[in-house]
Amino acid sequence: MDATIRPYDAERNRGALWELKQGFETGLGEGTGSDDKQALYEDKLDEAYRADWLAWVDRCVADDERCVTVASAPDDAGGETLLGYVFVLPERLAFVWDAAVLNELYVVPDARGTGVADDLMDAAVALARDQSLPLDRLVLDVDRENDRARAFYDRHGFGHWGEMVAKQL
């Protein structure tokens, strides 16, 4: 698929990025746990969450425009459609995990298997390599039940490095 990989532009792509984020979040709960997990992810996607998440994106992008990188392709109307995005936390947050953090990577279902995710991963790795890090690592959280994502990350050289656990507050 012929996609353009470029930094996210809030003026052009704010609504489209939010649609991708919704796909990312609902995909986290779909097929990787109980119906309760899926409902939990879907229920949080209200207007307040949207506003807070997009404001956080803006703050991260203000640090480095490459923190949110999108894949786009021309649409039939002469515009563009977003096919996916990758979100790497800015360098100032590297001490959260003593590494660069790949926060989110999402590609729309129709663009999966076309190389778009590989291109977005390449952009994430390039940004991480440019960051001054306590440890030269790029880390991420992936659901152990998400076989497709795990295979993708394995193919890109990611290996097991600890395990995240969570407690309900």
Protein backbone atom coordinates (compact mmCIF):
# COMPACT_ATOMS: atom_id res chain seq x y z
CA MET A 1 0.00 0.00 0.00
CA ASP A 2 1.33 3.41 -0.92
CA ALA A 3 1.20 5.35 2.35
CA THR A 4 2.84 8.57 3.44
CA ILE A 5 4.43 8.48 6.90
CA ARG A 6 4.56 11.92 8.51
CA PRO A 7 4.09 13.74 11.80
CA TYR A 8 0.50 14.21 12.92
CA ASP A 9 -0.98 17.63 12.08
CA ALA A 10 -3.68 18.65 14.58
CA GLU A 11 -5.29 21.14 12.20
CA ARG A 12 -5.71 18.55 9.43
CA ASN A 13 -6.14 15.34 11.35
CA ARG A 14 -7.60 15.89 14.83
CA GLY A 15 -10.92 14.17 14.11
CA ALA A 16 -9.33 11.36 12.12
CA LEU A 17 -6.76 10.69 14.84
CA TRP A 18 -9.55 10.41 17.41
CA GLU A 19 -11.32 7.87 15.18
CA LEU A 20 -8.11 5.82 15.04
CA LYS A 21 -7.75 6.09 18.83
CA GLN A 22 -11.27 4.72 19.23
CA GLY A 23 -10.32 1.79 17.00
CA PHE A 24 -7.20 1.21 19.08
CA GLU A 25 -9.09 1.25 22.37
CA THR A 26 -11.99 -0.93 21.27
CA GLY A 27 -9.51 -3.33 19.68
CA LEU A 28 -7.76 -3.72 23.04
CA GLY A 29 -10.88 -5.16 24.59
CA GLU A 30 -12.04 -7.15 21.58
CA GLY A 31 -10.91 -10.75 21.61
CA THR A 32 -8.32 -10.29 24.37
CA GLY A 33 -10.43 -10.88 27.44
CA SER A 34 -13.94 -10.98 28.79
CA ASP A 35 -16.91 -8.93 27.63
CA ASP A 36 -16.35 -6.84 30.76
CA LYS A 37 -12.89 -5.85 29.51
CA GLN A 38 -14.25 -4.79 26.14
CA ALA A 39 -17.04 -2.79 27.78
CA LEU A 40 -14.53 -1.10 30.09
CA TYR A 41 -12.46 0.14 27.14
CA GLU A 42 -15.52 1.23 25.17
CA ASP A 43 -17.16 3.04 28.08
CA LYS A 44 -14.23 5.36 28.73
CA LEU A 45 -14.38 6.86 25.23
CA ASP A 46 -16.64 9.76 26.15
CA GLU A 47 -16.26 13.43 25.25
CA ALA A 48 -14.26 14.26 28.39
CA TYR A 49 -11.76 11.48 27.65
CA ARG A 50 -11.54 12.65 24.03
CA ALA A 51 -10.73 16.21 25.08
CA ASP A 52 -8.16 15.09 27.67
CA TRP A 53 -6.46 12.61 25.32
CA LEU A 54 -6.23 15.08 22.44
CA ALA A 55 -4.83 17.74 24.81
CA TRP A 56 -2.21 15.21 25.97
CA VAL A 57 -1.36 14.46 22.33
CA ASP A 58 -0.89 18.20 21.76
CA ARG A 59 1.48 18.45 24.75
CA CYS A 60 3.54 15.47 23.58
CA VAL A 61 3.69 16.75 19.99
CA ALA A 62 4.81 20.14 21.30
CA ASP A 63 7.91 18.36 22.68
CA ASP A 64 8.63 16.56 19.41
CA GLU A 65 6.29 16.51 16.42
CA ARG A 66 7.31 12.92 15.72
CA CYS A 67 5.77 11.69 18.99
CA VAL A 68 2.61 11.04 17.00
CA THR A 69 3.30 9.88 13.48
CA VAL A 70 0.53 8.97 11.06
CA ALA A 71 0.24 6.92 7.90
CA SER A 72 -1.98 8.50 5.28
CA ALA A 73 -3.11 7.69 1.77
CA PRO A 74 -4.99 9.71 -0.85
CA ASP A 75 -8.77 9.28 -0.83
CA ASP A 76 -11.19 9.39 -3.75
CA ALA A 77 -12.18 13.00 -2.98
CA GLY A 78 -8.67 14.33 -3.45
CA GLY A 79 -7.96 14.49 0.26
CA GLU A 80 -6.39 11.92 2.48
CA THR A 81 -7.42 9.19 4.87
CA LEU A 82 -5.44 8.11 7.89
CA LEU A 83 -4.50 4.45 7.88
CA GLY A 84 -2.84 4.32 11.28
CA TYR A 85 -0.63 6.02 13.83
CA VAL A 86 2.17 5.39 16.25
CA PHE A 87 2.53 7.29 19.52
CA VAL A 88 5.94 7.37 21.23
CA LEU A 89 6.14 9.26 24.50
CA PRO A 90 8.40 12.32 24.49
CA GLU A 91 11.95 12.06 25.78
CA ARG A 92 11.11 13.94 29.00
CA LEU A 93 9.06 10.89 30.06
CA ALA A 94 11.86 8.36 29.45
CA PHE A 95 12.39 7.84 33.16
CA VAL A 96 8.92 6.29 33.46
CA TRP A 97 10.42 3.00 32.20
CA ASP A 98 14.10 4.09 31.85
CA ALA A 99 13.53 3.71 28.11
CA ALA A 100 11.63 5.10 25.16
CA VAL A 101 7.97 4.14 25.40
CA LEU A 102 5.89 3.08 22.42
CA ASN A 103 2.53 4.02 23.85
CA GLU A 104 0.23 3.08 20.97
CA LEU A 105 0.45 1.66 17.47
CA TYR A 106 -2.72 1.15 15.48
CA VAL A 107 -3.50 0.40 11.84
CA VAL A 108 -7.03 0.18 10.43
CA PRO A 109 -8.03 -3.39 9.58
CA ASP A 110 -8.05 -2.78 5.80
CA ALA A 111 -4.40 -1.64 5.88
CA ARG A 112 -3.08 -4.48 8.04
CA GLY A 113 -0.59 -6.75 6.34
CA THR A 114 0.36 -4.06 3.79
CA GLY A 115 3.56 -2.78 5.39
CA VAL A 116 1.96 0.30 6.96
CA ALA A 117 2.57 -1.00 10.49
CA ASP A 118 6.20 -1.75 9.58
CA ASP A 119 6.65 1.82 8.34
CA LEU A 120 5.12 3.22 11.51
CA MET A 121 7.36 1.00 13.62
CA ASP A 122 10.40 2.23 11.69
CA ALA A 123 9.36 5.81 12.53
CA ALA A 124 8.97 4.89 16.21
CA VAL A 125 12.39 3.25 16.34
CA ALA A 126 14.00 6.24 14.61
CA LEU A 127 12.48 8.63 17.17
CA ALA A 128 13.53 6.39 20.08
CA ARG A 129 17.11 6.26 18.76
CA ASP A 130 17.18 10.06 18.75
CA GLN A 131 16.13 10.28 22.40
CA SER A 132 18.63 10.48 25.26
CA LEU A 133 17.62 7.44 27.31
CA PRO A 134 18.74 5.84 30.58
CA LEU A 135 18.65 2.47 28.78
CA ASP A 136 18.80 2.07 25.02
CA ARG A 137 15.47 0.29 24.77
CA LEU A 138 12.06 0.85 23.27
CA VAL A 139 9.40 -0.70 25.47
CA LEU A 140 5.69 -1.30 25.07
CA ASP A 141 2.82 -3.12 26.71
CA VAL A 142 1.09 -5.82 24.67
CA ASP A 143 -1.76 -8.04 25.79
CA ARG A 144 -0.56 -11.65 26.02
CA GLU A 145 -3.79 -12.71 24.28
CA ASN A 146 -3.19 -10.45 21.25
CA ASP A 147 -1.41 -13.00 19.07
CA ARG A 148 -1.28 -10.79 15.98
CA ALA A 149 0.37 -7.89 17.83
CA ARG A 150 2.76 -10.21 19.67
CA ALA A 151 3.87 -11.77 16.37
CA PHE A 152 4.38 -8.31 14.88
CA TYR A 153 6.53 -7.17 17.82
CA ASP A 154 8.48 -10.46 17.80
CA ARG A 155 9.21 -9.91 14.11
CA HIS A 156 10.55 -6.45 14.95
CA GLY A 157 12.95 -7.84 17.54
CA PHE A 158 11.03 -7.11 20.74
CA GLY A 159 11.54 -9.63 23.53
CA HIS A 160 10.03 -10.27 26.91
CA TRP A 161 11.26 -7.74 29.48
CA GLY A 162 9.25 -7.94 32.67
CA GLU A 163 5.51 -8.04 32.92
CA MET A 164 3.01 -5.32 33.66
CA VAL A 165 0.42 -5.99 36.33
CA ALA A 166 -2.48 -3.78 37.33
CA LYS A 167 -4.67 -3.13 40.36
CA GLN A 168 -8.14 -1.66 40.08
CA LEU A 169 -8.42 1.67 41.95
